[in-house]
PDB file of all heavy atoms in Angstrom:
ATOM      1  N   GLN A   1      48.409 -52.800 -38.601  1.00  0.00           N
ATOM      2  CA  GLN A   1      48.637 -53.739 -37.520  1.00  0.00           C
ATOM      3  C   GLN A   1      48.333 -55.164 -37.958  1.00  0.00           C
ATOM      4  O   GLN A   1      49.080 -56.107 -37.666  1.00  0.00           O
ATOM      5  CB  GLN A   1      47.761 -53.386 -36.314  1.00  0.00           C
ATOM      6  CG  GLN A   1      48.223 -52.139 -35.573  1.00  0.00           C
ATOM      7  CD  GLN A   1      47.376 -51.872 -34.326  1.00  0.00           C
ATOM      8  OE1 GLN A   1      46.184 -52.090 -34.338  1.00  0.00           O
ATOM      9  NE2 GLN A   1      48.004 -51.439 -33.266  1.00  0.00           N
ATOM     10  N   PHE A   2      47.236 -55.358 -38.680  1.00  0.00           N
ATOM     11  CA  PHE A   2      46.841 -56.679 -39.119  1.00  0.00           C
ATOM     12  C   PHE A   2      47.860 -57.251 -40.096  1.00  0.00           C
ATOM     13  O   PHE A   2      48.195 -58.440 -40.037  1.00  0.00           O
ATOM     14  CB  PHE A   2      45.456 -56.623 -39.761  1.00  0.00           C
ATOM     15  CG  PHE A   2      44.898 -57.960 -40.146  1.00  0.00           C
ATOM     16  CD1 PHE A   2      44.460 -58.827 -39.183  1.00  0.00           C
ATOM     17  CD2 PHE A   2      44.801 -58.337 -41.477  1.00  0.00           C
ATOM     18  CE1 PHE A   2      43.942 -60.065 -39.521  1.00  0.00           C
ATOM     19  CE2 PHE A   2      44.290 -59.568 -41.840  1.00  0.00           C
ATOM     20  CZ  PHE A   2      43.861 -60.443 -40.850  1.00  0.00           C
ATOM     21  N   SER A   3      48.381 -56.412 -40.977  1.00  0.00           N
ATOM     22  CA  SER A   3      49.375 -56.888 -41.944  1.00  0.00           C
ATOM     23  C   SER A   3      50.632 -57.352 -41.244  1.00  0.00           C
ATOM     24  O   SER A   3      51.212 -58.397 -41.606  1.00  0.00           O
ATOM     25  CB  SER A   3      49.716 -55.749 -42.941  1.00  0.00           C
ATOM     26  OG  SER A   3      48.603 -55.357 -43.679  1.00  0.00           O
ATOM     27  N   SER A   4      51.055 -56.628 -40.227  1.00  0.00           N
ATOM     28  CA  SER A   4      52.262 -57.020 -39.487  1.00  0.00           C
ATOM     29  C   SER A   4      52.048 -58.331 -38.752  1.00  0.00           C
ATOM     30  O   SER A   4      52.937 -59.196 -38.716  1.00  0.00           O
ATOM     31  CB  SER A   4      52.677 -55.913 -38.501  1.00  0.00           C
ATOM     32  OG  SER A   4      51.711 -55.790 -37.466  1.00  0.00           O
ATOM     33  N   ILE A   5      50.871 -58.514 -38.170  1.00  0.00           N
ATOM     34  CA  ILE A   5      50.585 -59.746 -37.438  1.00  0.00           C
ATOM     35  C   ILE A   5      50.510 -60.939 -38.381  1.00  0.00           C
ATOM     36  O   ILE A   5      51.060 -62.017 -38.077  1.00  0.00           O
ATOM     37  CB  ILE A   5      49.276 -59.592 -36.637  1.00  0.00           C
ATOM     38  CG1 ILE A   5      49.467 -58.600 -35.505  1.00  0.00           C
ATOM     39  CG2 ILE A   5      48.811 -60.927 -36.083  1.00  0.00           C
ATOM     40  CD1 ILE A   5      50.548 -58.996 -34.505  1.00  0.00           C
ATOM     41  N   VAL A   6      49.837 -60.768 -39.504  1.00  0.00           N
ATOM     42  CA  VAL A   6      49.721 -61.882 -40.472  1.00  0.00           C
ATOM     43  C   VAL A   6      51.087 -62.307 -40.967  1.00  0.00           C
ATOM     44  O   VAL A   6      51.416 -63.494 -41.021  1.00  0.00           O
ATOM     45  CB  VAL A   6      48.817 -61.479 -41.644  1.00  0.00           C
ATOM     46  CG1 VAL A   6      48.892 -62.502 -42.770  1.00  0.00           C
ATOM     47  CG2 VAL A   6      47.374 -61.339 -41.186  1.00  0.00           C
ATOM     48  N   GLY A   7      51.931 -61.342 -41.365  1.00  0.00           N
ATOM     49  CA  GLY A   7      53.268 -61.678 -41.847  1.00  0.00           C
ATOM     50  C   GLY A   7      54.127 -62.308 -40.777  1.00  0.00           C
ATOM     51  O   GLY A   7      54.853 -63.274 -41.019  1.00  0.00           O
ATOM     52  N   ALA A   8      54.021 -61.785 -39.527  1.00  0.00           N
ATOM     53  CA  ALA A   8      54.839 -62.331 -38.431  1.00  0.00           C
ATOM     54  C   ALA A   8      54.430 -63.743 -38.075  1.00  0.00           C
ATOM     55  O   ALA A   8      55.275 -64.623 -37.927  1.00  0.00           O
ATOM     56  CB  ALA A   8      54.718 -61.424 -37.213  1.00  0.00           C
ATOM     57  N   VAL A   9      53.129 -63.993 -37.965  1.00  0.00           N
ATOM     58  CA  VAL A   9      52.650 -65.319 -37.580  1.00  0.00           C
ATOM     59  C   VAL A   9      52.932 -66.357 -38.672  1.00  0.00           C
ATOM     60  O   VAL A   9      53.285 -67.494 -38.394  1.00  0.00           O
ATOM     61  CB  VAL A   9      51.145 -65.267 -37.245  1.00  0.00           C
ATOM     62  CG1 VAL A   9      50.576 -66.657 -37.031  1.00  0.00           C
ATOM     63  CG2 VAL A   9      50.914 -64.414 -36.012  1.00  0.00           C
ATOM     64  N   THR A  10      52.757 -65.943 -39.949  1.00  0.00           N
ATOM     65  CA  THR A  10      52.959 -66.891 -41.050  1.00  0.00           C
ATOM     66  C   THR A  10      54.375 -67.453 -41.078  1.00  0.00           C
ATOM     67  O   THR A  10      54.571 -68.648 -41.315  1.00  0.00           O
ATOM     68  CB  THR A  10      52.658 -66.189 -42.380  1.00  0.00           C
ATOM     69  OG1 THR A  10      51.304 -65.701 -42.372  1.00  0.00           O
ATOM     70  CG2 THR A  10      52.829 -67.170 -43.541  1.00  0.00           C
ATOM     71  N   TYR A  11      55.368 -66.608 -40.794  1.00  0.00           N
ATOM     72  CA  TYR A  11      56.767 -67.048 -40.906  1.00  0.00           C
ATOM     73  C   TYR A  11      57.474 -67.150 -39.556  1.00  0.00           C
ATOM     74  O   TYR A  11      58.691 -67.234 -39.519  1.00  0.00           O
ATOM     75  CB  TYR A  11      57.517 -66.100 -41.822  1.00  0.00           C
ATOM     76  CG  TYR A  11      57.004 -66.123 -43.229  1.00  0.00           C
ATOM     77  CD1 TYR A  11      56.160 -65.118 -43.706  1.00  0.00           C
ATOM     78  CD2 TYR A  11      57.331 -67.175 -44.108  1.00  0.00           C
ATOM     79  CE1 TYR A  11      55.661 -65.154 -45.012  1.00  0.00           C
ATOM     80  CE2 TYR A  11      56.842 -67.204 -45.395  1.00  0.00           C
ATOM     81  CZ  TYR A  11      56.007 -66.214 -45.846  1.00  0.00           C
ATOM     82  OH  TYR A  11      55.519 -66.246 -47.127  1.00  0.00           O
ATOM     83  N   LEU A  12      56.711 -67.144 -38.451  1.00  0.00           N
ATOM     84  CA  LEU A  12      57.338 -67.254 -37.136  1.00  0.00           C
ATOM     85  C   LEU A  12      58.010 -68.601 -36.938  1.00  0.00           C
ATOM     86  O   LEU A  12      59.145 -68.693 -36.454  1.00  0.00           O
ATOM     87  CB  LEU A  12      56.303 -67.005 -36.025  1.00  0.00           C
ATOM     88  CG  LEU A  12      56.821 -67.131 -34.602  1.00  0.00           C
ATOM     89  CD1 LEU A  12      57.986 -66.161 -34.327  1.00  0.00           C
ATOM     90  CD2 LEU A  12      55.690 -66.901 -33.608  1.00  0.00           C
ATOM     91  N   SER A  13      57.308 -69.677 -37.304  1.00  0.00           N
ATOM     92  CA  SER A  13      57.886 -71.015 -37.165  1.00  0.00           C
ATOM     93  C   SER A  13      59.154 -71.170 -37.991  1.00  0.00           C
ATOM     94  O   SER A  13      60.147 -71.726 -37.537  1.00  0.00           O
ATOM     95  CB  SER A  13      56.849 -72.078 -37.574  1.00  0.00           C
ATOM     96  OG  SER A  13      57.411 -73.363 -37.550  1.00  0.00           O
ATOM     97  N   LYS A  14      59.128 -70.636 -39.210  1.00  0.00           N
ATOM     98  CA  LYS A  14      60.288 -70.667 -40.074  1.00  0.00           C
ATOM     99  C   LYS A  14      61.439 -69.850 -39.491  1.00  0.00           C
ATOM    100  O   LYS A  14      62.610 -70.241 -39.586  1.00  0.00           O
ATOM    101  CB  LYS A  14      59.903 -70.128 -41.455  1.00  0.00           C
ATOM    102  CG  LYS A  14      60.970 -70.211 -42.532  1.00  0.00           C
ATOM    103  CD  LYS A  14      60.452 -69.532 -43.781  1.00  0.00           C
ATOM    104  CE  LYS A  14      61.470 -69.638 -44.906  1.00  0.00           C
ATOM    105  NZ  LYS A  14      61.526 -70.987 -45.466  1.00  0.00           N
ATOM    106  N   TYR A  15      61.100 -68.726 -38.856  1.00  0.00           N
ATOM    107  CA  TYR A  15      62.124 -67.872 -38.238  1.00  0.00           C
ATOM    108  C   TYR A  15      62.815 -68.600 -37.105  1.00  0.00           C
ATOM    109  O   TYR A  15      64.045 -68.549 -36.965  1.00  0.00           O
ATOM    110  CB  TYR A  15      61.464 -66.591 -37.729  1.00  0.00           C
ATOM    111  CG  TYR A  15      62.424 -65.629 -37.079  1.00  0.00           C
ATOM    112  CD1 TYR A  15      63.238 -64.801 -37.833  1.00  0.00           C
ATOM    113  CD2 TYR A  15      62.518 -65.529 -35.696  1.00  0.00           C
ATOM    114  CE1 TYR A  15      64.122 -63.901 -37.252  1.00  0.00           C
ATOM    115  CE2 TYR A  15      63.398 -64.628 -35.086  1.00  0.00           C
ATOM    116  CZ  TYR A  15      64.197 -63.822 -35.877  1.00  0.00           C
ATOM    117  OH  TYR A  15      65.072 -62.951 -35.285  1.00  0.00           O
ATOM    118  N   LEU A  16      62.055 -69.286 -36.260  1.00  0.00           N
ATOM    119  CA  LEU A  16      62.655 -70.039 -35.143  1.00  0.00           C
ATOM    120  C   LEU A  16      63.555 -71.147 -35.655  1.00  0.00           C
ATOM    121  O   LEU A  16      64.603 -71.448 -35.075  1.00  0.00           O
ATOM    122  CB  LEU A  16      61.555 -70.639 -34.253  1.00  0.00           C
ATOM    123  CG  LEU A  16      60.644 -69.630 -33.544  1.00  0.00           C
ATOM    124  CD1 LEU A  16      59.633 -70.399 -32.682  1.00  0.00           C
ATOM    125  CD2 LEU A  16      61.446 -68.669 -32.682  1.00  0.00           C
ATOM    126  N   GLU A  17      63.170 -71.768 -36.764  1.00  0.00           N
ATOM    127  CA  GLU A  17      63.951 -72.852 -37.316  1.00  0.00           C
ATOM    128  C   GLU A  17      65.269 -72.355 -37.905  1.00  0.00           C
ATOM    129  O   GLU A  17      66.339 -72.934 -37.678  1.00  0.00           O
ATOM    130  CB  GLU A  17      63.136 -73.581 -38.388  1.00  0.00           C
ATOM    131  CG  GLU A  17      63.846 -74.752 -39.017  1.00  0.00           C
ATOM    132  CD  GLU A  17      63.032 -75.428 -40.093  1.00  0.00           C
ATOM    133  OE1 GLU A  17      61.877 -75.007 -40.280  1.00  0.00           O
ATOM    134  OE2 GLU A  17      63.535 -76.353 -40.738  1.00  0.00           O
ATOM    135  N   GLN A  18      65.199 -71.285 -38.671  1.00  0.00           N
ATOM    136  CA  GLN A  18      66.390 -70.793 -39.360  1.00  0.00           C
ATOM    137  C   GLN A  18      67.313 -69.962 -38.455  1.00  0.00           C
ATOM    138  O   GLN A  18      68.510 -69.994 -38.579  1.00  0.00           O
ATOM    139  CB  GLN A  18      65.971 -69.950 -40.572  1.00  0.00           C
ATOM    140  CG  GLN A  18      65.294 -70.712 -41.673  1.00  0.00           C
ATOM    141  CD  GLN A  18      66.240 -71.713 -42.329  1.00  0.00           C
ATOM    142  OE1 GLN A  18      67.448 -71.493 -42.411  1.00  0.00           O
ATOM    143  NE2 GLN A  18      65.691 -72.827 -42.816  1.00  0.00           N
ATOM    144  N   GLN A  19      66.720 -69.223 -37.510  1.00  0.00           N
ATOM    145  CA  GLN A  19      67.516 -68.339 -36.680  1.00  0.00           C
ATOM    146  C   GLN A  19      68.141 -69.064 -35.501  1.00  0.00           C
ATOM    147  O   GLN A  19      69.292 -68.817 -35.158  1.00  0.00           O
ATOM    148  CB  GLN A  19      66.633 -67.198 -36.147  1.00  0.00           C
ATOM    149  CG  GLN A  19      67.384 -66.090 -35.437  1.00  0.00           C
ATOM    150  CD  GLN A  19      68.230 -65.264 -36.366  1.00  0.00           C
ATOM    151  OE1 GLN A  19      69.233 -64.701 -35.979  1.00  0.00           O
ATOM    152  NE2 GLN A  19      67.866 -65.180 -37.643  1.00  0.00           N
ATOM    153  N   TYR A  20      67.388 -69.986 -34.884  1.00  0.00           N
ATOM    154  CA  TYR A  20      67.867 -70.632 -33.642  1.00  0.00           C
ATOM    155  C   TYR A  20      68.082 -72.129 -33.806  1.00  0.00           C
ATOM    156  O   TYR A  20      68.392 -72.803 -32.823  1.00  0.00           O
ATOM    157  CB  TYR A  20      66.861 -70.376 -32.516  1.00  0.00           C
ATOM    158  CG  TYR A  20      66.654 -68.905 -32.233  1.00  0.00           C
ATOM    159  CD1 TYR A  20      65.519 -68.248 -32.687  1.00  0.00           C
ATOM    160  CD2 TYR A  20      67.597 -68.186 -31.516  1.00  0.00           C
ATOM    161  CE1 TYR A  20      65.324 -66.887 -32.422  1.00  0.00           C
ATOM    162  CE2 TYR A  20      67.406 -66.837 -31.241  1.00  0.00           C
ATOM    163  CZ  TYR A  20      66.265 -66.200 -31.724  1.00  0.00           C
ATOM    164  OH  TYR A  20      66.086 -64.862 -31.456  1.00  0.00           O
ATOM    165  N   GLY A  21      67.917 -72.669 -35.006  1.00  0.00           N
ATOM    166  CA  GLY A  21      68.172 -74.088 -35.221  1.00  0.00           C
ATOM    167  C   GLY A  21      67.148 -75.007 -34.607  1.00  0.00           C
ATOM    168  O   GLY A  21      67.432 -76.182 -34.367  1.00  0.00           O
ATOM    169  N   GLN A  22      65.929 -74.503 -34.324  1.00  0.00           N
ATOM    170  CA  GLN A  22      64.889 -75.345 -33.749  1.00  0.00           C
ATOM    171  C   GLN A  22      64.189 -76.144 -34.854  1.00  0.00           C
ATOM    172  O   GLN A  22      64.031 -75.671 -35.979  1.00  0.00           O
ATOM    173  CB  GLN A  22      63.868 -74.473 -33.008  1.00  0.00           C
ATOM    174  CG  GLN A  22      64.467 -73.594 -31.924  1.00  0.00           C
ATOM    175  CD  GLN A  22      65.081 -74.411 -30.805  1.00  0.00           C
ATOM    176  OE1 GLN A  22      64.546 -75.426 -30.389  1.00  0.00           O
ATOM    177  NE2 GLN A  22      66.220 -73.943 -30.313  1.00  0.00           N
ATOM    178  N   SER A  23      63.757 -77.351 -34.531  1.00  0.00           N
ATOM    179  CA  SER A  23      63.006 -78.137 -35.488  1.00  0.00           C
ATOM    180  C   SER A  23      61.628 -77.542 -35.702  1.00  0.00           C
ATOM    181  O   SER A  23      61.103 -76.808 -34.831  1.00  0.00           O
ATOM    182  CB  SER A  23      62.877 -79.584 -35.004  1.00  0.00           C
ATOM    183  OG  SER A  23      62.115 -79.646 -33.810  1.00  0.00           O
ATOM    184  N   SER A  24      60.994 -77.835 -36.837  1.00  0.00           N
ATOM    185  CA  SER A  24      59.666 -77.292 -37.127  1.00  0.00           C
ATOM    186  C   SER A  24      58.644 -77.770 -36.095  1.00  0.00           C
ATOM    187  O   SER A  24      57.787 -77.007 -35.650  1.00  0.00           O
ATOM    188  CB  SER A  24      59.232 -77.708 -38.527  1.00  0.00           C
ATOM    189  OG  SER A  24      60.086 -77.173 -39.505  1.00  0.00           O
ATOM    190  N   SER A  25      58.754 -79.033 -35.696  1.00  0.00           N
ATOM    191  CA  SER A  25      57.798 -79.594 -34.722  1.00  0.00           C
ATOM    192  C   SER A  25      57.932 -78.886 -33.382  1.00  0.00           C
ATOM    193  O   SER A  25      56.911 -78.535 -32.754  1.00  0.00           O
ATOM    194  CB  SER A  25      58.022 -81.087 -34.565  1.00  0.00           C
ATOM    195  OG  SER A  25      59.354 -81.363 -34.157  1.00  0.00           O
ATOM    196  N   LYS A  26      59.156 -78.652 -32.945  1.00  0.00           N
ATOM    197  CA  LYS A  26      59.359 -77.968 -31.658  1.00  0.00           C
ATOM    198  C   LYS A  26      58.911 -76.528 -31.719  1.00  0.00           C
ATOM    199  O   LYS A  26      58.300 -76.002 -30.767  1.00  0.00           O
ATOM    200  CB  LYS A  26      60.844 -78.040 -31.248  1.00  0.00           C
ATOM    201  CG  LYS A  26      61.097 -77.432 -29.872  1.00  0.00           C
ATOM    202  CD  LYS A  26      62.564 -77.559 -29.475  1.00  0.00           C
ATOM    203  CE  LYS A  26      62.819 -76.933 -28.108  1.00  0.00           C
ATOM    204  NZ  LYS A  26      64.237 -77.051 -27.707  1.00  0.00           N
ATOM    205  N   ALA A  27      59.205 -75.862 -32.842  1.00  0.00           N
ATOM    206  CA  ALA A  27      58.785 -74.464 -32.994  1.00  0.00           C
ATOM    207  C   ALA A  27      57.265 -74.323 -32.945  1.00  0.00           C
ATOM    208  O   ALA A  27      56.718 -73.470 -32.251  1.00  0.00           O
ATOM    209  CB  ALA A  27      59.329 -73.911 -34.307  1.00  0.00           C
ATOM    210  N   ASN A  28      56.565 -75.210 -33.681  1.00  0.00           N
ATOM    211  CA  ASN A  28      55.099 -75.155 -33.667  1.00  0.00           C
ATOM    212  C   ASN A  28      54.538 -75.516 -32.301  1.00  0.00           C
ATOM    213  O   ASN A  28      53.535 -74.950 -31.856  1.00  0.00           O
ATOM    214  CB  ASN A  28      54.547 -76.109 -34.729  1.00  0.00           C
ATOM    215  CG  ASN A  28      54.832 -75.641 -36.134  1.00  0.00           C
ATOM    216  OD1 ASN A  28      54.835 -74.442 -36.406  1.00  0.00           O
ATOM    217  ND2 ASN A  28      55.077 -76.566 -37.048  1.00  0.00           N
ATOM    218  N   PHE A  29      55.171 -76.459 -31.629  1.00  0.00           N
ATOM    219  CA  PHE A  29      54.730 -76.841 -30.285  1.00  0.00           C
ATOM    220  C   PHE A  29      54.843 -75.678 -29.311  1.00  0.00           C
ATOM    221  O   PHE A  29      53.929 -75.380 -28.560  1.00  0.00           O
ATOM    222  CB  PHE A  29      55.549 -78.029 -29.789  1.00  0.00           C
ATOM    223  CG  PHE A  29      55.238 -78.417 -28.359  1.00  0.00           C
ATOM    224  CD1 PHE A  29      54.123 -79.179 -28.070  1.00  0.00           C
ATOM    225  CD2 PHE A  29      56.086 -78.039 -27.325  1.00  0.00           C
ATOM    226  CE1 PHE A  29      53.843 -79.520 -26.741  1.00  0.00           C
ATOM    227  CE2 PHE A  29      55.819 -78.393 -26.021  1.00  0.00           C
ATOM    228  CZ  PHE A  29      54.681 -79.132 -25.742  1.00  0.00           C
ATOM    229  N   LEU A  30      55.975 -74.956 -29.379  1.00  0.00           N
ATOM    230  CA  LEU A  30      56.188 -73.825 -28.467  1.00  0.00           C
ATOM    231  C   LEU A  30      55.208 -72.699 -28.756  1.00  0.00           C
ATOM    232  O   LEU A  30      54.661 -72.069 -27.843  1.00  0.00           O
ATOM    233  CB  LEU A  30      57.606 -73.329 -28.587  1.00  0.00           C
ATOM    234  CG  LEU A  30      58.717 -74.252 -28.038  1.00  0.00           C
ATOM    235  CD1 LEU A  30      60.088 -73.703 -28.386  1.00  0.00           C
ATOM    236  CD2 LEU A  30      58.558 -74.422 -26.527  1.00  0.00           C
ATOM    237  N   ILE A  31      54.957 -72.455 -30.039  1.00  0.00           N
ATOM    238  CA  ILE A  31      54.010 -71.403 -30.410  1.00  0.00           C
ATOM    239  C   ILE A  31      52.616 -71.744 -29.877  1.00  0.00           C
ATOM    240  O   ILE A  31      51.888 -70.887 -29.340  1.00  0.00           O
ATOM    241  CB  ILE A  31      53.987 -71.213 -31.931  1.00  0.00           C
ATOM    242  CG1 ILE A  31      55.339 -70.662 -32.411  1.00  0.00           C
ATOM    243  CG2 ILE A  31      52.870 -70.260 -32.333  1.00  0.00           C
ATOM    244  CD1 ILE A  31      55.477 -70.616 -33.916  1.00  0.00           C
ATOM    245  N   GLY A  32      52.222 -73.016 -30.039  1.00  0.00           N
ATOM    246  CA  GLY A  32      50.897 -73.418 -29.597  1.00  0.00           C
ATOM    247  C   GLY A  32      50.731 -73.428 -28.093  1.00  0.00           C
ATOM    248  O   GLY A  32      49.707 -73.019 -27.556  1.00  0.00           O
ATOM    249  N   VAL A  33      51.760 -73.911 -27.379  1.00  0.00           N
ATOM    250  CA  VAL A  33      51.660 -74.056 -25.929  1.00  0.00           C
ATOM    251  C   VAL A  33      51.837 -72.732 -25.203  1.00  0.00           C
ATOM    252  O   VAL A  33      51.209 -72.484 -24.159  1.00  0.00           O
ATOM    253  CB  VAL A  33      52.690 -75.088 -25.440  1.00  0.00           C
ATOM    254  CG1 VAL A  33      52.772 -75.111 -23.919  1.00  0.00           C
ATOM    255  CG2 VAL A  33      52.355 -76.465 -25.967  1.00  0.00           C
ATOM    256  N   ILE A  34      52.697 -71.873 -25.718  1.00  0.00           N
ATOM    257  CA  ILE A  34      53.037 -70.621 -25.006  1.00  0.00           C
ATOM    258  C   ILE A  34      52.278 -69.433 -25.556  1.00  0.00           C
ATOM    259  O   ILE A  34      51.604 -68.705 -24.791  1.00  0.00           O
ATOM    260  CB  ILE A  34      54.539 -70.370 -25.064  1.00  0.00           C
ATOM    261  CG1 ILE A  34      55.319 -71.521 -24.396  1.00  0.00           C
ATOM    262  CG2 ILE A  34      54.897 -69.046 -24.423  1.00  0.00           C
ATOM    263  CD1 ILE A  34      56.815 -71.382 -24.482  1.00  0.00           C
ATOM    264  N   ALA A  35      52.343 -69.197 -26.855  1.00  0.00           N
ATOM    265  CA  ALA A  35      51.801 -67.971 -27.431  1.00  0.00           C
ATOM    266  C   ALA A  35      50.279 -67.930 -27.439  1.00  0.00           C
ATOM    267  O   ALA A  35      49.675 -66.923 -27.017  1.00  0.00           O
ATOM    268  CB  ALA A  35      52.341 -67.767 -28.828  1.00  0.00           C
ATOM    269  N   LEU A  36      49.636 -68.994 -27.875  1.00  0.00           N
ATOM    270  CA  LEU A  36      48.172 -68.969 -28.030  1.00  0.00           C
ATOM    271  C   LEU A  36      47.439 -68.767 -26.693  1.00  0.00           C
ATOM    272  O   LEU A  36      46.511 -67.962 -26.618  1.00  0.00           O
ATOM    273  CB  LEU A  36      47.706 -70.239 -28.736  1.00  0.00           C
ATOM    274  CG  LEU A  36      48.155 -70.387 -30.203  1.00  0.00           C
ATOM    275  CD1 LEU A  36      47.577 -71.635 -30.834  1.00  0.00           C
ATOM    276  CD2 LEU A  36      47.744 -69.168 -31.019  1.00  0.00           C
TER     277      LEU A  36
END
């Protein structure tokens, strides 16, 4: 479980940028405001 979470969180911002065309700043903002 921990391995999956570490890998997912590490590249989540990159995934949002490459998959949905979101900027890095917006992706990190959404992760911080919504997920945390």
